[in-house]
Amino acid sequence: MLKQLIEVNPLGRYFFWSGNGLAKSAIADWQRSLAKVFKLAGIKGHAHRFRNTFSVCLPESGATLETVSVLLGHSSNRTTERDDAPWVKSRQLKLEESIEKAWKL
């Protein structure tokens, strides 16, 4: 996917923002655009859905908690741990495995 993004904007620093104006304005623009796309597609949801999916898929692909925290812009790992860790399937499986081992003793 990165290759395709670079082909679209080979000289640009950003893929989804011109670099002009406030980043907050760009975020709001994308949220409004995605809301329209969701509505047209008949999907209930919001732009944050992509962020949530991103944050859960990263650890599944081997990213550390610290990496996820940085990529999400969290001020500390504790925020990432609190908000995202409960939804990571591999983490849940390890917790279940630990409980099963304890009960077998």
PDB file of N, CA and C in Angstrom:
ATOM      1  N   MET A   1       0.814  -1.188   0.000  1.00  0.00           N
ATOM      2  CA  MET A   1       0.000   0.000   0.000  1.00  0.00           C
ATOM      3  C   MET A   1       0.865   1.262   0.000  1.00  0.00           C
ATOM      4  N   LEU A   2       1.978   1.225   0.690  1.00  0.00           N
ATOM      5  CA  LEU A   2       2.861   2.386   0.719  1.00  0.00           C
ATOM      6  C   LEU A   2       3.340   2.736  -0.681  1.00  0.00           C
ATOM      7  N   LYS A   3       3.645   1.717  -1.470  1.00  0.00           N
ATOM      8  CA  LYS A   3       4.096   1.956  -2.846  1.00  0.00           C
ATOM      9  C   LYS A   3       3.052   2.761  -3.621  1.00  0.00           C
ATOM     10  N   GLN A   4       1.791   2.387  -3.478  1.00  0.00           N
ATOM     11  CA  GLN A   4       0.717   3.085  -4.181  1.00  0.00           C
ATOM     12  C   GLN A   4       0.570   4.519  -3.683  1.00  0.00           C
ATOM     13  N   LEU A   5       0.713   4.727  -2.389  1.00  0.00           N
ATOM     14  CA  LEU A   5       0.629   6.084  -1.841  1.00  0.00           C
ATOM     15  C   LEU A   5       1.755   6.964  -2.382  1.00  0.00           C
ATOM     16  N   ILE A   6       2.943   6.411  -2.470  1.00  0.00           N
ATOM     17  CA  ILE A   6       4.084   7.170  -2.990  1.00  0.00           C
ATOM     18  C   ILE A   6       3.875   7.506  -4.457  1.00  0.00           C
ATOM     19  N   GLU A   7       3.286   6.585  -5.225  1.00  0.00           N
ATOM     20  CA  GLU A   7       2.995   6.856  -6.634  1.00  0.00           C
ATOM     21  C   GLU A   7       2.019   8.019  -6.788  1.00  0.00           C
ATOM     22  N   VAL A   8       1.051   8.114  -5.883  1.00  0.00           N
ATOM     23  CA  VAL A   8       0.059   9.186  -5.943  1.00  0.00           C
ATOM     24  C   VAL A   8       0.692  10.527  -5.575  1.00  0.00           C
ATOM     25  N   ASN A   9       1.590  10.514  -4.609  1.00  0.00           N
ATOM     26  CA  ASN A   9       2.175  11.751  -4.105  1.00  0.00           C
ATOM     27  C   ASN A   9       3.680  11.559  -3.906  1.00  0.00           C
ATOM     28  N   PRO A  10       4.462  11.461  -5.000  1.00  0.00           N
ATOM     29  CA  PRO A  10       5.877  11.117  -4.885  1.00  0.00           C
ATOM     30  C   PRO A  10       6.743  12.159  -4.182  1.00  0.00           C
ATOM     31  N   LEU A  11       6.374  13.417  -4.206  1.00  0.00           N
ATOM     32  CA  LEU A  11       7.208  14.460  -3.613  1.00  0.00           C
ATOM     33  C   LEU A  11       6.659  15.003  -2.301  1.00  0.00           C
ATOM     34  N   GLY A  12       5.451  14.631  -1.981  1.00  0.00           N
ATOM     35  CA  GLY A  12       4.809  15.188  -0.791  1.00  0.00           C
ATOM     36  C   GLY A  12       5.328  14.603   0.502  1.00  0.00           C
ATOM     37  N   ARG A  13       5.292  15.407   1.531  1.00  0.00           N
ATOM     38  CA  ARG A  13       5.709  14.955   2.847  1.00  0.00           C
ATOM     39  C   ARG A  13       4.579  14.176   3.516  1.00  0.00           C
ATOM     40  N   TYR A  14       3.322  14.571   3.227  1.00  0.00           N
ATOM     41  CA  TYR A  14       2.155  13.947   3.830  1.00  0.00           C
ATOM     42  C   TYR A  14       1.306  13.287   2.751  1.00  0.00           C
ATOM     43  N   PHE A  15       0.606  12.240   3.124  1.00  0.00           N
ATOM     44  CA  PHE A  15      -0.280  11.567   2.184  1.00  0.00           C
ATOM     45  C   PHE A  15      -1.707  12.089   2.284  1.00  0.00           C
ATOM     46  N   PHE A  16      -2.145  12.425   3.472  1.00  0.00           N
ATOM     47  CA  PHE A  16      -3.542  12.792   3.676  1.00  0.00           C
ATOM     48  C   PHE A  16      -3.714  14.222   4.166  1.00  0.00           C
ATOM     49  N   TRP A  17      -2.701  15.043   3.965  1.00  0.00           N
ATOM     50  CA  TRP A  17      -2.761  16.431   4.406  1.00  0.00           C
ATOM     51  C   TRP A  17      -1.773  17.227   3.566  1.00  0.00           C
ATOM     52  N   SER A  18      -2.139  18.417   3.193  1.00  0.00           N
ATOM     53  CA  SER A  18      -1.262  19.234   2.350  1.00  0.00           C
ATOM     54  C   SER A  18      -0.085  19.814   3.131  1.00  0.00           C
ATOM     55  N   GLY A  19      -0.228  19.864   4.453  1.00  0.00           N
ATOM     56  CA  GLY A  19       0.792  20.511   5.279  1.00  0.00           C
ATOM     57  C   GLY A  19       0.442  21.955   5.556  1.00  0.00           C
ATOM     58  N   ASN A  20      -0.558  22.464   4.870  1.00  0.00           N
ATOM     59  CA  ASN A  20      -1.034  23.834   5.097  1.00  0.00           C
ATOM     60  C   ASN A  20      -2.192  23.795   6.093  1.00  0.00           C
ATOM     61  N   GLY A  21      -2.295  24.822   6.894  1.00  0.00           N
ATOM     62  CA  GLY A  21      -3.378  24.880   7.873  1.00  0.00           C
ATOM     63  C   GLY A  21      -3.077  24.044   9.095  1.00  0.00           C
ATOM     64  N   LEU A  22      -4.054  23.958   9.964  1.00  0.00           N
ATOM     65  CA  LEU A  22      -3.886  23.205  11.203  1.00  0.00           C
ATOM     66  C   LEU A  22      -4.169  21.724  10.982  1.00  0.00           C
ATOM     67  N   ALA A  23      -3.396  20.899  11.634  1.00  0.00           N
ATOM     68  CA  ALA A  23      -3.635  19.454  11.538  1.00  0.00           C
ATOM     69  C   ALA A  23      -5.033  19.118  12.038  1.00  0.00           C
ATOM     70  N   LYS A  24      -5.488  19.835  13.050  1.00  0.00           N
ATOM     71  CA  LYS A  24      -6.817  19.594  13.607  1.00  0.00           C
ATOM     72  C   LYS A  24      -7.894  19.821  12.550  1.00  0.00           C
ATOM     73  N   SER A  25      -7.711  20.811  11.694  1.00  0.00           N
ATOM     74  CA  SER A  25      -8.667  21.072  10.610  1.00  0.00           C
ATOM     75  C   SER A  25      -8.673  19.927   9.606  1.00  0.00           C
ATOM     76  N   ALA A  26      -7.498  19.412   9.304  1.00  0.00           N
ATOM     77  CA  ALA A  26      -7.396  18.286   8.370  1.00  0.00           C
ATOM     78  C   ALA A  26      -8.098  17.057   8.939  1.00  0.00           C
ATOM     79  N   ILE A  27      -7.941  16.833  10.222  1.00  0.00           N
ATOM     80  CA  ILE A  27      -8.591  15.693  10.875  1.00  0.00           C
ATOM     81  C   ILE A  27     -10.105  15.834  10.778  1.00  0.00           C
ATOM     82  N   ALA A  28     -10.605  17.022  11.066  1.00  0.00           N
ATOM     83  CA  ALA A  28     -12.049  17.262  10.998  1.00  0.00           C
ATOM     84  C   ALA A  28     -12.562  17.057   9.572  1.00  0.00           C
ATOM     85  N   ASP A  29     -11.799  17.513   8.582  1.00  0.00           N
ATOM     86  CA  ASP A  29     -12.192  17.326   7.180  1.00  0.00           C
ATOM     87  C   ASP A  29     -12.307  15.840   6.843  1.00  0.00           C
ATOM     88  N   TRP A  30     -11.308  15.056   7.265  1.00  0.00           N
ATOM     89  CA  TRP A  30     -11.333  13.621   6.993  1.00  0.00           C
ATOM     90  C   TRP A  30     -12.482  12.945   7.725  1.00  0.00           C
ATOM     91  N   GLN A  31     -12.737  13.359   8.946  1.00  0.00           N
ATOM     92  CA  GLN A  31     -13.845  12.757   9.695  1.00  0.00           C
ATOM     93  C   GLN A  31     -15.178  13.014   8.990  1.00  0.00           C
ATOM     94  N   ARG A  32     -15.376  14.224   8.498  1.00  0.00           N
ATOM     95  CA  ARG A  32     -16.610  14.537   7.770  1.00  0.00           C
ATOM     96  C   ARG A  32     -16.700  13.731   6.474  1.00  0.00           C
ATOM     97  N   SER A  33     -15.590  13.634   5.764  1.00  0.00           N
ATOM     98  CA  SER A  33     -15.583  12.869   4.510  1.00  0.00           C
ATOM     99  C   SER A  33     -15.874  11.394   4.752  1.00  0.00           C
ATOM    100  N   LEU A  34     -15.248  10.834   5.761  1.00  0.00           N
ATOM    101  CA  LEU A  34     -15.474   9.423   6.064  1.00  0.00           C
ATOM    102  C   LEU A  34     -16.897   9.185   6.561  1.00  0.00           C
ATOM    103  N   ALA A  35     -17.457  10.142   7.290  1.00  0.00           N
ATOM    104  CA  ALA A  35     -18.848  10.013   7.744  1.00  0.00           C
ATOM    105  C   ALA A  35     -19.783   9.916   6.538  1.00  0.00           C
ATOM    106  N   LYS A  36     -19.512  10.709   5.503  1.00  0.00           N
ATOM    107  CA  LYS A  36     -20.319  10.648   4.279  1.00  0.00           C
ATOM    108  C   LYS A  36     -20.167   9.293   3.589  1.00  0.00           C
ATOM    109  N   VAL A  37     -18.933   8.797   3.543  1.00  0.00           N
ATOM    110  CA  VAL A  37     -18.679   7.499   2.911  1.00  0.00           C
ATOM    111  C   VAL A  37     -19.406   6.393   3.681  1.00  0.00           C
ATOM    112  N   PHE A  38     -19.317   6.419   4.995  1.00  0.00           N
ATOM    113  CA  PHE A  38     -20.017   5.425   5.815  1.00  0.00           C
ATOM    114  C   PHE A  38     -21.514   5.475   5.551  1.00  0.00           C
ATOM    115  N   LYS A  39     -22.058   6.679   5.501  1.00  0.00           N
ATOM    116  CA  LYS A  39     -23.498   6.835   5.274  1.00  0.00           C
ATOM    117  C   LYS A  39     -23.895   6.275   3.907  1.00  0.00           C
ATOM    118  N   LEU A  40     -23.134   6.608   2.879  1.00  0.00           N
ATOM    119  CA  LEU A  40     -23.421   6.107   1.533  1.00  0.00           C
ATOM    120  C   LEU A  40     -23.311   4.581   1.454  1.00  0.00           C
ATOM    121  N   ALA A  41     -22.385   4.030   2.218  1.00  0.00           N
ATOM    122  CA  ALA A  41     -22.177   2.578   2.210  1.00  0.00           C
ATOM    123  C   ALA A  41     -23.136   1.847   3.140  1.00  0.00           C
ATOM    124  N   GLY A  42     -23.900   2.614   3.914  1.00  0.00           N
ATOM    125  CA  GLY A  42     -24.826   1.991   4.854  1.00  0.00           C
ATOM    126  C   GLY A  42     -24.143   1.364   6.047  1.00  0.00           C
ATOM    127  N   ILE A  43     -22.994   1.911   6.431  1.00  0.00           N
ATOM    128  CA  ILE A  43     -22.217   1.381   7.552  1.00  0.00           C
ATOM    129  C   ILE A  43     -22.370   2.310   8.745  1.00  0.00           C
ATOM    130  N   LYS A  44     -22.704   1.735   9.900  1.00  0.00           N
ATOM    131  CA  LYS A  44     -22.739   2.537  11.122  1.00  0.00           C
ATOM    132  C   LYS A  44     -21.326   2.565  11.668  1.00  0.00           C
ATOM    133  N   GLY A  45     -20.832   3.726  11.929  1.00  0.00           N
ATOM    134  CA  GLY A  45     -19.479   3.833  12.441  1.00  0.00           C
ATOM    135  C   GLY A  45     -18.959   5.239  12.344  1.00  0.00           C
ATOM    136  N   HIS A  46     -17.704   5.377  12.626  1.00  0.00           N
ATOM    137  CA  HIS A  46     -17.041   6.675  12.603  1.00  0.00           C
ATOM    138  C   HIS A  46     -15.579   6.475  12.235  1.00  0.00           C
ATOM    139  N   ALA A  47     -14.910   7.572  11.964  1.00  0.00           N
ATOM    140  CA  ALA A  47     -13.509   7.510  11.526  1.00  0.00           C
ATOM    141  C   ALA A  47     -12.605   6.846  12.561  1.00  0.00           C
ATOM    142  N   HIS A  48     -12.963   6.962  13.822  1.00  0.00           N
ATOM    143  CA  HIS A  48     -12.137   6.381  14.886  1.00  0.00           C
ATOM    144  C   HIS A  48     -12.067   4.856  14.770  1.00  0.00           C
ATOM    145  N   ARG A  49     -13.001   4.293  14.033  1.00  0.00           N
ATOM    146  CA  ARG A  49     -13.017   2.849  13.832  1.00  0.00           C
ATOM    147  C   ARG A  49     -11.715   2.370  13.198  1.00  0.00           C
ATOM    148  N   PHE A  50     -11.162   3.149  12.269  1.00  0.00           N
ATOM    149  CA  PHE A  50      -9.889   2.795  11.640  1.00  0.00           C
ATOM    150  C   PHE A  50      -8.751   2.846  12.655  1.00  0.00           C
ATOM    151  N   ARG A  51      -8.778   3.826  13.502  1.00  0.00           N
ATOM    152  CA  ARG A  51      -7.758   3.965  14.545  1.00  0.00           C
ATOM    153  C   ARG A  51      -7.822   2.765  15.493  1.00  0.00           C
ATOM    154  N   ASN A  52      -9.040   2.391  15.864  1.00  0.00           N
ATOM    155  CA  ASN A  52      -9.205   1.263  16.773  1.00  0.00           C
ATOM    156  C   ASN A  52      -8.688  -0.024  16.149  1.00  0.00           C
ATOM    157  N   THR A  53      -9.014  -0.240  14.893  1.00  0.00           N
ATOM    158  CA  THR A  53      -8.544  -1.431  14.189  1.00  0.00           C
ATOM    159  C   THR A  53      -7.023  -1.427  14.096  1.00  0.00           C
ATOM    160  N   PHE A  54      -6.468  -0.278  13.758  1.00  0.00           N
ATOM    161  CA  PHE A  54      -5.018  -0.110  13.667  1.00  0.00           C
ATOM    162  C   PHE A  54      -4.352  -0.463  14.997  1.00  0.00           C
ATOM    163  N   SER A  55      -4.910   0.048  16.087  1.00  0.00           N
ATOM    164  CA  SER A  55      -4.291  -0.149  17.396  1.00  0.00           C
ATOM    165  C   SER A  55      -4.355  -1.604  17.856  1.00  0.00           C
ATOM    166  N   VAL A  56      -5.361  -2.344  17.406  1.00  0.00           N
ATOM    167  CA  VAL A  56      -5.477  -3.749  17.785  1.00  0.00           C
ATOM    168  C   VAL A  56      -4.649  -4.641  16.858  1.00  0.00           C
ATOM    169  N   CYS A  57      -4.537  -4.271  15.594  1.00  0.00           N
ATOM    170  CA  CYS A  57      -3.778  -5.088  14.631  1.00  0.00           C
ATOM    171  C   CYS A  57      -2.268  -4.974  14.828  1.00  0.00           C
ATOM    172  N   LEU A  58      -1.801  -3.838  15.299  1.00  0.00           N
ATOM    173  CA  LEU A  58      -0.360  -3.659  15.475  1.00  0.00           C
ATOM    174  C   LEU A  58       0.267  -4.725  16.373  1.00  0.00           C
ATOM    175  N   PRO A  59      -0.255  -4.957  17.587  1.00  0.00           N
ATOM    176  CA  PRO A  59       0.357  -5.998  18.432  1.00  0.00           C
ATOM    177  C   PRO A  59       0.234  -7.390  17.816  1.00  0.00           C
ATOM    178  N   GLU A  60      -0.842  -7.632  17.072  1.00  0.00           N
ATOM    179  CA  GLU A  60      -1.012  -8.927  16.419  1.00  0.00           C
ATOM    180  C   GLU A  60       0.087  -9.174  15.384  1.00  0.00           C
ATOM    181  N   SER A  61       0.657  -8.078  14.853  1.00  0.00           N
ATOM    182  CA  SER A  61       1.729  -8.229  13.864  1.00  0.00           C
ATOM    183  C   SER A  61       3.112  -8.117  14.503  1.00  0.00           C
ATOM    184  N   GLY A  62       3.158  -8.096  15.838  1.00  0.00           N
ATOM    185  CA  GLY A  62       4.429  -8.120  16.540  1.00  0.00           C
ATOM    186  C   GLY A  62       4.908  -6.791  17.099  1.00  0.00           C
ATOM    187  N   ALA A  63       4.144  -5.722  16.928  1.00  0.00           N
ATOM    188  CA  ALA A  63       4.556  -4.417  17.470  1.00  0.00           C
ATOM    189  C   ALA A  63       4.491  -4.432  18.996  1.00  0.00           C
ATOM    190  N   THR A  64       5.446  -3.775  19.606  1.00  0.00           N
ATOM    191  CA  THR A  64       5.467  -3.694  21.059  1.00  0.00           C
ATOM    192  C   THR A  64       4.460  -2.647  21.537  1.00  0.00           C
ATOM    193  N   LEU A  65       4.144  -2.696  22.808  1.00  0.00           N
ATOM    194  CA  LEU A  65       3.248  -1.717  23.411  1.00  0.00           C
ATOM    195  C   LEU A  65       3.798  -0.303  23.226  1.00  0.00           C
ATOM    196  N   GLU A  66       5.113  -0.157  23.342  1.00  0.00           N
ATOM    197  CA  GLU A  66       5.744   1.154  23.182  1.00  0.00           C
ATOM    198  C   GLU A  66       5.549   1.681  21.761  1.00  0.00           C
ATOM    199  N   THR A  67       5.701   0.808  20.773  1.00  0.00           N
ATOM    200  CA  THR A  67       5.519   1.204  19.378  1.00  0.00           C
ATOM    201  C   THR A  67       4.083   1.635  19.119  1.00  0.00           C
ATOM    202  N   VAL A  68       3.140   0.851  19.617  1.00  0.00           N
ATOM    203  CA  VAL A  68       1.725   1.191  19.447  1.00  0.00           C
ATOM    204  C   VAL A  68       1.434   2.542  20.085  1.00  0.00           C
ATOM    205  N   SER A  69       1.965   2.752  21.263  1.00  0.00           N
ATOM    206  CA  SER A  69       1.748   4.005  21.983  1.00  0.00           C
ATOM    207  C   SER A  69       2.246   5.204  21.187  1.00  0.00           C
ATOM    208  N   VAL A  70       3.438   5.086  20.625  1.00  0.00           N
ATOM    209  CA  VAL A  70       4.017   6.186  19.828  1.00  0.00           C
ATOM    210  C   VAL A  70       3.175   6.440  18.581  1.00  0.00           C
ATOM    211  N   LEU A  71       2.808   5.368  17.878  1.00  0.00           N
ATOM    212  CA  LEU A  71       2.053   5.520  16.631  1.00  0.00           C
ATOM    213  C   LEU A  71       0.658   6.112  16.859  1.00  0.00           C
ATOM    214  N   LEU A  72       0.091   5.861  18.022  1.00  0.00           N
ATOM    215  CA  LEU A  72      -1.227   6.424  18.331  1.00  0.00           C
ATOM    216  C   LEU A  72      -1.133   7.825  18.921  1.00  0.00           C
ATOM    217  N   GLY A  73       0.086   8.249  19.250  1.00  0.00           N
ATOM    218  CA  GLY A  73       0.256   9.585  19.808  1.00  0.00           C
ATOM    219  C   GLY A  73      -0.119   9.680  21.273  1.00  0.00           C
ATOM    220  N   HIS A  74      -0.102   8.540  21.957  1.00  0.00           N
ATOM    221  CA  HIS A  74      -0.415   8.555  23.382  1.00  0.00           C
ATOM    222  C   HIS A  74       0.742   9.153  24.165  1.00  0.00           C
ATOM    223  N   SER A  75       0.415   9.839  25.242  1.00  0.00           N
ATOM    224  CA  SER A  75       1.455  10.478  26.048  1.00  0.00           C
ATOM    225  C   SER A  75       2.211   9.470  26.912  1.00  0.00           C
ATOM    226  N   SER A  76       1.611   8.305  27.145  1.00  0.00           N
ATOM    227  CA  SER A  76       2.309   7.275  27.915  1.00  0.00           C
ATOM    228  C   SER A  76       1.808   5.896  27.504  1.00  0.00           C
ATOM    229  N   ASN A  77       2.600   4.883  27.835  1.00  0.00           N
ATOM    230  CA  ASN A  77       2.211   3.505  27.547  1.00  0.00           C
ATOM    231  C   ASN A  77       0.987   3.096  28.351  1.00  0.00           C
ATOM    232  N   ARG A  78       0.787   3.741  29.490  1.00  0.00           N
ATOM    233  CA  ARG A  78      -0.354   3.399  30.343  1.00  0.00           C
ATOM    234  C   ARG A  78      -1.677   3.658  29.620  1.00  0.00           C
ATOM    235  N   THR A  79      -1.719   4.718  28.834  1.00  0.00           N
ATOM    236  CA  THR A  79      -2.932   5.025  28.071  1.00  0.00           C
ATOM    237  C   THR A  79      -3.212   3.910  27.076  1.00  0.00           C
ATOM    238  N   THR A  80      -2.182   3.478  26.383  1.00  0.00           N
ATOM    239  CA  THR A  80      -2.330   2.406  25.396  1.00  0.00           C
ATOM    240  C   THR A  80      -2.766   1.124  26.086  1.00  0.00           C
ATOM    241  N   GLU A  81      -2.130   0.809  27.184  1.00  0.00           N
ATOM    242  CA  GLU A  81      -2.459  -0.401  27.943  1.00  0.00           C
ATOM    243  C   GLU A  81      -3.925  -0.373  28.374  1.00  0.00           C
ATOM    244  N   ARG A  82      -4.365   0.736  28.875  1.00  0.00           N
ATOM    245  CA  ARG A  82      -5.736   0.875  29.371  1.00  0.00           C
ATOM    246  C   ARG A  82      -6.757   0.794  28.227  1.00  0.00           C
ATOM    247  N   ASP A  83      -6.495   1.506  27.150  1.00  0.00           N
ATOM    248  CA  ASP A  83      -7.490   1.643  26.078  1.00  0.00           C
ATOM    249  C   ASP A  83      -7.492   0.509  25.068  1.00  0.00           C
ATOM    250  N   ASP A  84      -6.339  -0.036  24.753  1.00  0.00           N
ATOM    251  CA  ASP A  84      -6.242  -0.956  23.630  1.00  0.00           C
ATOM    252  C   ASP A  84      -5.925  -2.398  23.993  1.00  0.00           C
ATOM    253  N   ALA A  85      -5.152  -2.618  25.026  1.00  0.00           N
ATOM    254  CA  ALA A  85      -4.718  -3.976  25.348  1.00  0.00           C
ATOM    255  C   ALA A  85      -5.859  -4.966  25.574  1.00  0.00           C
ATOM    256  N   PRO A  86      -6.966  -4.556  26.188  1.00  0.00           N
ATOM    257  CA  PRO A  86      -8.037  -5.542  26.401  1.00  0.00           C
ATOM    258  C   PRO A  86      -8.618  -6.126  25.114  1.00  0.00           C
ATOM    259  N   TRP A  87      -8.395  -5.469  23.988  1.00  0.00           N
ATOM    260  CA  TRP A  87      -8.993  -5.918  22.726  1.00  0.00           C
ATOM    261  C   TRP A  87      -8.044  -6.744  21.873  1.00  0.00           C
ATOM    262  N   VAL A  88      -6.823  -6.950  22.337  1.00  0.00           N
ATOM    263  CA  VAL A  88      -5.845  -7.702  21.551  1.00  0.00           C
ATOM    264  C   VAL A  88      -6.070  -9.198  21.787  1.00  0.00           C
ATOM    265  N   LYS A  89      -6.433  -9.901  20.711  1.00  0.00           N
ATOM    266  CA  LYS A  89      -6.805 -11.309  20.830  1.00  0.00           C
ATOM    267  C   LYS A  89      -5.677 -12.170  21.400  1.00  0.00           C
ATOM    268  N   SER A  90      -4.447 -11.962  20.943  1.00  0.00           N
ATOM    269  CA  SER A  90      -3.335 -12.787  21.425  1.00  0.00           C
ATOM    270  C   SER A  90      -3.144 -12.607  22.931  1.00  0.00           C
ATOM    271  N   ARG A  91      -3.375 -11.400  23.406  1.00  0.00           N
ATOM    272  CA  ARG A  91      -3.269 -11.140  24.854  1.00  0.00           C
ATOM    273  C   ARG A  91      -4.360 -11.895  25.606  1.00  0.00           C
ATOM    274  N   GLN A  92      -5.569 -11.871  25.071  1.00  0.00           N
ATOM    275  CA  GLN A  92      -6.674 -12.580  25.705  1.00  0.00           C
ATOM    276  C   GLN A  92      -6.409 -14.086  25.735  1.00  0.00           C
ATOM    277  N   LEU A  93      -5.860 -14.614  24.651  1.00  0.00           N
ATOM    278  CA  LEU A  93      -5.557 -16.044  24.599  1.00  0.00           C
ATOM    279  C   LEU A  93      -4.506 -16.429  25.642  1.00  0.00           C
ATOM    280  N   LYS A  94      -3.503 -15.572  25.817  1.00  0.00           N
ATOM    281  CA  LYS A  94      -2.475 -15.845  26.835  1.00  0.00           C
ATOM    282  C   LYS A  94      -3.073 -15.811  28.235  1.00  0.00           C
ATOM    283  N   LEU A  95      -3.981 -14.862  28.471  1.00  0.00           N
ATOM    284  CA  LEU A  95      -4.638 -14.784  29.780  1.00  0.00           C
ATOM    285  C   LEU A  95      -5.478 -16.038  30.037  1.00  0.00           C
ATOM    286  N   GLU A  96      -6.214 -16.467  29.029  1.00  0.00           N
ATOM    287  CA  GLU A  96      -7.021 -17.681  29.167  1.00  0.00           C
ATOM    288  C   GLU A  96      -6.143 -18.899  29.419  1.00  0.00           C
ATOM    289  N   GLU A  97      -5.017 -18.973  28.717  1.00  0.00           N
ATOM    290  CA  GLU A  97      -4.083 -20.078  28.891  1.00  0.00           C
ATOM    291  C   GLU A  97      -3.539 -20.102  30.324  1.00  0.00           C
ATOM    292  N   SER A  98      -3.234 -18.943  30.867  1.00  0.00           N
ATOM    293  CA  SER A  98      -2.726 -18.848  32.239  1.00  0.00           C
ATOM    294  C   SER A  98      -3.779 -19.341  33.242  1.00  0.00           C
ATOM    295  N   ILE A  99      -5.018 -18.974  33.001  1.00  0.00           N
ATOM    296  CA  ILE A  99      -6.096 -19.410  33.900  1.00  0.00           C
ATOM    297  C   ILE A  99      -6.261 -20.928  33.815  1.00  0.00           C
ATOM    298  N   GLU A 100      -6.247 -21.461  32.602  1.00  0.00           N
ATOM    299  CA  GLU A 100      -6.395 -22.905  32.434  1.00  0.00           C
ATOM    300  C   GLU A 100      -5.254 -23.654  33.118  1.00  0.00           C
ATOM    301  N   LYS A 101      -4.020 -23.155  33.006  1.00  0.00           N
ATOM    302  CA  LYS A 101      -2.880 -23.791  33.675  1.00  0.00           C
ATOM    303  C   LYS A 101      -3.058 -23.764  35.187  1.00  0.00           C
ATOM    304  N   ALA A 102      -3.520 -22.619  35.706  1.00  0.00           N
ATOM    305  CA  ALA A 102      -3.701 -22.505  37.152  1.00  0.00           C
ATOM    306  C   ALA A 102      -4.764 -23.468  37.656  1.00  0.00           C
ATOM    307  N   TRP A 103      -5.817 -23.670  36.906  1.00  0.00           N
ATOM    308  CA  TRP A 103      -6.894 -24.551  37.328  1.00  0.00           C
ATOM    309  C   TRP A 103      -6.534 -26.026  37.224  1.00  0.00           C
ATOM    310  N   LYS A 104      -5.575 -26.344  36.377  1.00  0.00           N
ATOM    311  CA  LYS A 104      -5.155 -27.740  36.204  1.00  0.00           C
ATOM    312  C   LYS A 104      -4.225 -28.194  37.327  1.00  0.00           C
ATOM    313  N   LEU A 105      -3.674 -27.239  38.094  1.00  0.00           N
ATOM    314  CA  LEU A 105      -2.738 -27.603  39.150  1.00  0.00           C
ATOM    315  C   LEU A 105      -3.390 -28.334  40.251  1.00  0.00           C
TER     316      LEU A 105
END
